[in-house]
N, C-alpha and C. Protein backbone atom coordinates (compact mmCIF):
# COMPACT_ATOMS: atom_id res chain seq x y z
N MET A 1 -46.26 -3.32 9.65
CA MET A 1 -45.14 -2.87 8.95
C MET A 1 -44.96 -1.84 8.44
N ASN A 2 -43.87 -1.04 8.21
CA ASN A 2 -43.66 0.06 7.05
C ASN A 2 -43.04 -0.35 5.62
N ASN A 3 -43.49 -0.59 4.39
CA ASN A 3 -43.15 -1.09 3.50
C ASN A 3 -42.41 0.30 2.62
N LYS A 4 -42.62 1.11 2.89
CA LYS A 4 -41.75 2.43 2.06
C LYS A 4 -40.66 2.31 1.77
N ILE A 5 -40.18 2.72 0.87
CA ILE A 5 -38.80 2.95 0.27
C ILE A 5 -38.52 4.12 0.66
N SER A 6 -37.05 4.16 0.90
CA SER A 6 -36.80 5.31 1.45
C SER A 6 -36.43 6.19 0.24
N LYS A 7 -35.94 7.84 0.26
CA LYS A 7 -35.77 8.39 -0.78
C LYS A 7 -34.54 8.39 -1.52
N PHE A 8 -33.21 7.74 -0.60
CA PHE A 8 -32.32 7.27 -0.73
C PHE A 8 -32.13 6.03 -1.85
N ALA A 9 -33.26 4.95 -1.48
CA ALA A 9 -33.02 3.85 -1.98
C ALA A 9 -33.60 4.04 -3.42
N GLU A 10 -34.52 4.82 -3.43
CA GLU A 10 -35.18 5.25 -4.68
C GLU A 10 -34.22 5.99 -5.64
N ILE A 11 -33.51 6.97 -5.10
CA ILE A 11 -32.77 7.41 -6.12
C ILE A 11 -31.37 6.72 -6.41
N LEU A 12 -30.69 5.67 -5.68
CA LEU A 12 -29.55 4.81 -5.94
C LEU A 12 -30.51 3.79 -6.99
N LYS A 13 -31.70 3.41 -6.96
CA LYS A 13 -32.44 2.33 -7.62
C LYS A 13 -32.10 2.98 -8.94
N HIS A 14 -32.30 4.35 -9.53
CA HIS A 14 -32.50 4.72 -10.69
C HIS A 14 -31.34 5.63 -11.27
N HIS A 15 -29.97 5.27 -10.33
CA HIS A 15 -28.74 5.92 -10.74
C HIS A 15 -28.16 4.83 -11.45
N SER A 16 -27.27 5.22 -12.39
CA SER A 16 -26.57 4.24 -12.85
C SER A 16 -24.96 5.16 -13.23
N SER A 17 -23.90 4.47 -13.10
CA SER A 17 -22.58 5.10 -13.42
C SER A 17 -22.45 5.63 -14.94
N PRO A 18 -22.03 6.65 -14.98
CA PRO A 18 -21.68 6.81 -16.40
C PRO A 18 -20.91 6.10 -16.97
N PRO A 19 -20.87 5.67 -18.61
CA PRO A 19 -20.04 4.76 -18.94
C PRO A 19 -18.75 5.04 -19.00
N SER A 20 -18.20 6.41 -19.13
CA SER A 20 -16.88 6.44 -18.71
C SER A 20 -16.19 5.91 -17.56
N ALA A 21 -16.87 6.32 -16.44
CA ALA A 21 -16.50 5.85 -14.82
C ALA A 21 -16.43 4.23 -14.86
N SER A 22 -17.26 3.67 -15.45
CA SER A 22 -17.05 1.96 -15.30
C SER A 22 -15.86 1.57 -16.31
N LEU A 23 -15.80 2.51 -17.64
CA LEU A 23 -14.60 2.19 -18.27
C LEU A 23 -13.05 2.39 -17.70
N ALA A 24 -13.11 3.49 -16.77
CA ALA A 24 -12.14 3.85 -15.97
C ALA A 24 -11.62 2.85 -15.25
N LYS A 25 -12.85 2.00 -14.27
CA LYS A 25 -12.85 0.96 -13.26
C LYS A 25 -12.06 -0.03 -13.88
N GLU A 26 -12.75 -0.59 -14.93
CA GLU A 26 -12.44 -1.96 -15.95
C GLU A 26 -10.96 -1.89 -16.02
N GLU A 27 -10.23 -0.59 -16.97
CA GLU A 27 -8.97 -0.40 -17.45
C GLU A 27 -8.32 -0.38 -15.85
N MET A 28 -8.44 0.15 -14.72
CA MET A 28 -7.58 -0.02 -13.54
C MET A 28 -7.57 -1.26 -12.89
N SER A 29 -8.52 -1.89 -13.00
CA SER A 29 -8.65 -3.38 -12.78
C SER A 29 -7.90 -4.30 -13.57
N GLU A 30 -7.88 -4.07 -14.89
CA GLU A 30 -7.01 -4.70 -15.82
C GLU A 30 -5.81 -4.53 -15.52
N ASN A 31 -4.98 -3.23 -15.36
CA ASN A 31 -3.61 -2.82 -14.67
C ASN A 31 -3.28 -3.38 -13.68
N LEU A 32 -4.31 -3.69 -12.58
CA LEU A 32 -3.81 -4.20 -11.22
C LEU A 32 -3.62 -5.58 -11.69
N LYS A 33 -4.20 -6.44 -12.29
CA LYS A 33 -4.11 -7.73 -12.46
C LYS A 33 -2.79 -7.64 -13.46
N HIS A 34 -2.33 -7.02 -14.08
CA HIS A 34 -1.18 -7.29 -14.99
C HIS A 34 0.25 -6.83 -13.83
N VAL A 35 0.09 -6.01 -12.93
CA VAL A 35 1.10 -5.77 -12.12
C VAL A 35 1.02 -6.94 -10.85
N LYS A 36 -0.17 -7.39 -10.57
CA LYS A 36 -0.18 -8.32 -9.65
C LYS A 36 1.01 -9.73 -10.45
N LYS A 37 0.41 -9.99 -11.65
CA LYS A 37 1.45 -11.09 -12.46
C LYS A 37 2.59 -10.78 -12.65
N THR A 38 2.84 -9.69 -12.57
CA THR A 38 4.61 -9.52 -12.98
C THR A 38 5.21 -9.20 -11.75
N SER A 39 4.90 -8.56 -10.75
CA SER A 39 5.52 -7.88 -9.50
C SER A 39 5.35 -9.10 -8.70
N LEU A 40 6.68 -9.71 -8.24
CA LEU A 40 6.74 -10.56 -7.13
C LEU A 40 6.80 -9.95 -5.57
N ALA A 41 6.15 -10.85 -4.89
CA ALA A 41 5.91 -9.80 -3.48
C ALA A 41 7.77 -10.41 -3.15
N LYS A 42 7.93 -9.18 -2.03
CA LYS A 42 9.30 -9.93 -1.39
C LYS A 42 9.35 -10.89 -0.63
N SER A 43 8.41 -11.67 -0.13
CA SER A 43 8.16 -12.39 0.84
C SER A 43 8.39 -14.01 -0.44
N LYS A 44 7.90 -13.94 -1.45
CA LYS A 44 8.22 -14.80 -2.51
C LYS A 44 9.78 -14.44 -3.32
N ASN A 45 10.23 -13.49 -3.31
CA ASN A 45 11.44 -12.97 -4.01
C ASN A 45 12.59 -13.83 -3.46
N PRO A 46 13.52 -14.71 -4.09
CA PRO A 46 14.49 -15.13 -3.39
C PRO A 46 15.72 -14.24 -3.38
N ASP A 47 15.42 -12.86 -3.79
CA ASP A 47 16.44 -12.09 -3.88
C ASP A 47 16.52 -11.20 -2.41
N TYR A 48 15.10 -11.47 -1.67
CA TYR A 48 14.89 -10.52 -0.49
C TYR A 48 15.24 -11.62 1.06
N THR A 49 15.19 -11.57 1.87
CA THR A 49 15.33 -12.30 3.07
C THR A 49 14.60 -11.35 4.28
N GLN A 50 14.03 -12.11 4.96
CA GLN A 50 13.03 -11.68 6.05
C GLN A 50 13.80 -11.32 7.64
N VAL A 51 14.11 -10.37 7.74
CA VAL A 51 14.61 -10.19 9.24
C VAL A 51 14.08 -9.52 10.20
N SER A 52 14.25 -9.66 11.43
CA SER A 52 13.38 -9.38 12.53
C SER A 52 14.59 -8.57 13.70
N ALA A 53 14.08 -7.51 14.20
CA ALA A 53 14.99 -7.04 15.08
C ALA A 53 14.00 -6.37 16.54
N TYR A 54 14.80 -6.00 17.50
CA TYR A 54 13.92 -5.56 18.70
C TYR A 54 14.32 -3.78 18.82
N LEU A 55 13.37 -3.18 18.39
CA LEU A 55 13.59 -1.65 18.98
C LEU A 55 12.69 -1.14 20.18
N PRO A 56 13.15 -0.08 20.66
CA PRO A 56 12.68 0.66 21.55
C PRO A 56 11.12 0.97 20.84
N SER A 57 9.85 1.00 21.23
CA SER A 57 8.73 1.24 20.90
C SER A 57 8.78 2.73 20.39
N SER A 58 9.00 3.65 21.52
CA SER A 58 8.66 5.11 21.22
C SER A 58 9.75 5.35 19.84
N LEU A 59 10.85 4.90 19.44
CA LEU A 59 11.85 5.06 18.35
C LEU A 59 11.01 4.28 17.11
N TYR A 60 10.64 3.27 17.35
CA TYR A 60 9.70 2.49 16.20
C TYR A 60 8.29 3.41 15.97
N LYS A 61 7.97 3.96 16.84
CA LYS A 61 6.68 4.99 16.33
C LYS A 61 6.87 5.94 15.79
N LYS A 62 7.66 6.82 16.45
CA LYS A 62 8.49 7.89 15.63
C LYS A 62 8.96 7.83 14.44
N THR A 63 9.64 6.42 14.00
CA THR A 63 10.23 6.20 12.63
C THR A 63 8.91 5.63 11.72
N LYS A 64 7.92 5.01 12.21
CA LYS A 64 6.74 4.80 11.37
C LYS A 64 6.06 5.57 10.75
N ILE A 65 5.85 7.02 11.85
CA ILE A 65 5.11 8.09 11.51
C ILE A 65 5.66 8.88 10.36
N LYS A 66 6.97 9.07 10.67
CA LYS A 66 8.06 9.69 9.79
C LYS A 66 7.97 9.15 8.30
N LEU A 67 7.69 7.61 8.11
CA LEU A 67 7.91 7.14 7.06
C LEU A 67 6.57 6.90 6.51
N LEU A 68 5.52 6.83 7.03
CA LEU A 68 4.06 7.24 6.60
C LEU A 68 4.06 8.60 6.01
N ASN A 69 4.67 9.44 6.47
CA ASN A 69 4.38 11.12 6.11
C ASN A 69 5.38 11.14 4.40
N ASN A 70 6.16 10.22 4.66
CA ASN A 70 7.13 10.38 3.31
C ASN A 70 6.88 9.16 2.54
N ASP A 71 5.90 8.43 2.77
CA ASP A 71 5.27 7.69 1.57
C ASP A 71 6.25 6.50 1.63
N MET A 72 6.93 6.05 2.46
CA MET A 72 8.30 5.37 2.29
C MET A 72 7.96 4.10 3.43
N GLU A 73 8.49 2.62 3.10
CA GLU A 73 8.20 1.24 3.57
C GLU A 73 9.36 1.43 4.93
N PHE A 74 9.34 0.91 5.87
CA PHE A 74 10.65 0.57 6.79
C PHE A 74 11.71 -0.44 5.86
N SER A 75 11.27 -1.33 5.19
CA SER A 75 12.30 -2.14 4.67
C SER A 75 13.09 -1.23 3.51
N GLU A 76 12.75 -0.27 3.09
CA GLU A 76 13.45 0.66 2.27
C GLU A 76 14.48 1.51 2.88
N LEU A 77 13.95 2.25 4.11
CA LEU A 77 14.82 2.60 4.89
C LEU A 77 15.76 1.95 5.50
N LEU A 78 15.47 0.78 6.02
CA LEU A 78 16.60 0.01 6.41
C LEU A 78 17.52 -0.50 5.77
N LYS A 79 17.11 -0.87 4.29
CA LYS A 79 17.89 -1.10 3.29
C LYS A 79 18.78 -0.13 2.70
N LEU A 80 18.37 1.28 3.06
CA LEU A 80 19.11 2.75 2.37
C LEU A 80 20.21 2.75 3.61
N LEU A 81 19.71 2.86 4.78
CA LEU A 81 20.63 2.61 6.06
C LEU A 81 22.10 1.41 6.04
N LEU A 82 21.39 0.44 5.99
CA LEU A 82 22.45 -0.71 5.83
C LEU A 82 23.46 -0.61 4.49
N LYS A 83 22.98 -0.06 3.63
CA LYS A 83 23.83 0.24 2.39
C LYS A 83 24.79 1.12 2.85
N LYS A 84 24.28 2.05 3.15
CA LYS A 84 25.31 3.29 3.70
C LYS A 84 26.16 2.82 4.83
N TRP A 85 25.77 2.11 5.86
CA TRP A 85 26.63 1.55 6.53
C TRP A 85 27.77 0.61 6.02
N ASN A 86 27.36 -0.40 5.12
CA ASN A 86 28.09 -1.43 4.51
C ASN A 86 29.30 -0.46 3.80
N GLU A 87 28.76 0.78 3.05
CA GLU A 87 29.98 1.42 2.41
C GLU A 87 30.93 2.48 3.34
N GLY A 88 30.57 2.29 4.66
CA GLY A 88 31.55 3.18 5.57
C GLY A 88 31.01 4.61 5.84
N ASP A 89 29.70 5.06 5.01
CA ASP A 89 29.20 6.23 5.38
C ASP A 89 28.55 6.66 6.47
N VAL A 90 28.21 5.69 7.42
CA VAL A 90 27.38 5.69 8.53
C VAL A 90 28.17 4.96 9.96
N LEU A 91 27.98 5.97 11.09
CA LEU A 91 28.58 5.11 12.32
C LEU A 91 30.18 4.54 11.90
N LYS A 92 31.00 5.45 11.56
CA LYS A 92 32.22 5.25 11.39
C LYS A 92 32.97 4.95 12.72
C-alpha cells in the first residue's frame, strides 16, 4: 500500500483561515440565529393560509423562471395579483 500523503492534503494540513474570516463566519452565524428566532415561517404564521391550485405546466415553468430571474417567490407574485384583482385593477 502507498502511505504517501498527497500534496493537497499536506497543504490543507498546514493551512488555517485568517482570524478575520472566522470572525466574519461567527458574526454571520449569530445574525442567522437572531433572524431565525425573530422571523416566523409562513407555515407557522397565523396571518397566512396555504392554498393550492392547478396550473398548466408550461405556464408554471415560465413563471418560475421569471420569478427566479427577479429573485421573487411565487407567493409574493400571487399576493400581488390577488390584491390588484380584489381592488379591481385586474381582469375587469
